[in-house]
Protein backbone atom coordinates (compact mmCIF):
# COMPACT_ATOMS: atom_id res chain seq x y z
CA MET A 1 -1.45 -26.96 -20.02
CA ASN A 2 -0.71 -24.52 -17.20
CA ASP A 3 -0.83 -26.17 -13.74
CA THR A 4 -0.45 -23.08 -11.55
CA THR A 5 -1.33 -23.61 -7.91
CA TRP A 6 -1.66 -20.76 -5.40
CA ASN A 7 -0.77 -21.42 -1.79
CA LEU A 8 -1.98 -18.78 0.63
CA SER A 9 0.63 -18.14 3.29
CA ASP A 10 -2.01 -16.60 5.58
CA PRO A 11 -5.58 -17.18 4.36
CA TYR A 12 -7.11 -15.20 7.26
CA VAL A 13 -5.17 -12.07 6.34
CA PHE A 14 -6.15 -12.51 2.68
CA GLN A 15 -9.83 -12.94 3.57
CA THR A 16 -9.90 -10.01 6.00
CA LEU A 17 -8.09 -7.63 3.63
CA SER A 18 -10.37 -8.69 0.76
CA SER A 19 -13.35 -7.52 2.81
CA ILE A 20 -11.98 -3.95 3.17
CA VAL A 21 -10.88 -3.17 -0.40
CA GLY A 22 -11.54 0.53 -1.03
CA ALA A 23 -10.98 1.52 2.62
CA LYS A 24 -8.23 3.78 3.93
CA VAL A 25 -5.52 1.70 5.62
CA ALA A 26 -2.23 2.03 7.45
CA VAL A 27 0.09 -0.90 6.70
CA GLN A 28 3.26 -1.62 8.67
CA THR A 29 5.81 -3.71 6.78
CA THR A 30 9.26 -4.97 7.59
CA ARG A 31 10.59 -1.91 5.66
CA GLY A 32 8.32 0.84 7.01
CA SER A 33 4.72 1.98 6.86
CA VAL A 34 2.36 3.03 4.08
CA ARG A 35 -0.94 4.89 4.49
CA GLY A 36 -3.45 5.12 1.69
CA THR A 37 -6.37 3.38 0.00
CA LEU A 38 -6.40 -0.41 -0.29
CA LYS A 39 -6.99 -0.91 -4.01
CA ASN A 40 -6.44 -4.64 -4.55
CA VAL A 41 -5.77 -7.87 -2.66
CA GLN A 42 -4.11 -10.91 -4.24
CA PRO A 43 -2.91 -14.15 -2.62
CA ASP A 44 0.70 -12.91 -2.55
CA HIS A 45 0.43 -9.09 -2.39
CA ILE A 46 -1.77 -6.08 -1.78
CA VAL A 47 -1.89 -2.74 -3.60
CA VAL A 48 -2.12 0.48 -1.55
CA GLU A 49 -2.51 3.78 -3.39
CA MET A 50 -0.95 6.83 -1.74
CA GLY A 51 -0.42 10.25 -3.31
CA GLY A 52 -1.19 8.95 -6.80
CA ASN A 53 1.36 6.13 -6.48
CA SER A 54 0.58 2.43 -6.20
CA PHE A 55 2.56 0.45 -3.64
CA PHE A 56 2.68 -3.31 -4.21
CA ILE A 57 3.30 -4.92 -0.82
CA ARG A 58 4.07 -8.62 -0.42
CA THR A 59 1.66 -10.23 2.03
CA GLN A 60 4.55 -11.98 3.80
CA GLN A 61 6.11 -8.57 4.57
CA ILE A 62 3.02 -7.23 6.39
CA ILE A 63 3.33 -6.91 10.18
CA TRP A 64 -0.03 -5.23 10.86
CA VAL A 65 -2.86 -3.35 9.12
CA VAL A 66 -5.16 -0.68 10.57
CA PRO A 67 -8.36 -0.16 8.56
CA ASN A 68 -9.75 3.39 8.57
CA PRO A 69 -6.96 4.87 10.74
CA LYS A 70 -8.08 7.86 12.81
CA LEU A 71 -4.77 9.00 14.23
CA LYS A 72 -2.46 11.33 12.33
CA MET A 73 1.22 10.42 12.35
CA GLU A 74 3.38 13.26 13.69
């Protein structure tokens, strides 16, 4: 029998991001930023698609998220 237990490190972030799947997002991580479409949210990571590539970002590495960003980065 498989006794897998998921512990959410930040349930509010998980819940909020789950509500905006399919939206354009800007995500700042400890390694840089990614802008694209939020495709999937899991307890330990999110998937952002940008330029035909899928970026799997660990939830613990997220600093902030901007849904539907209006500003262009220069």
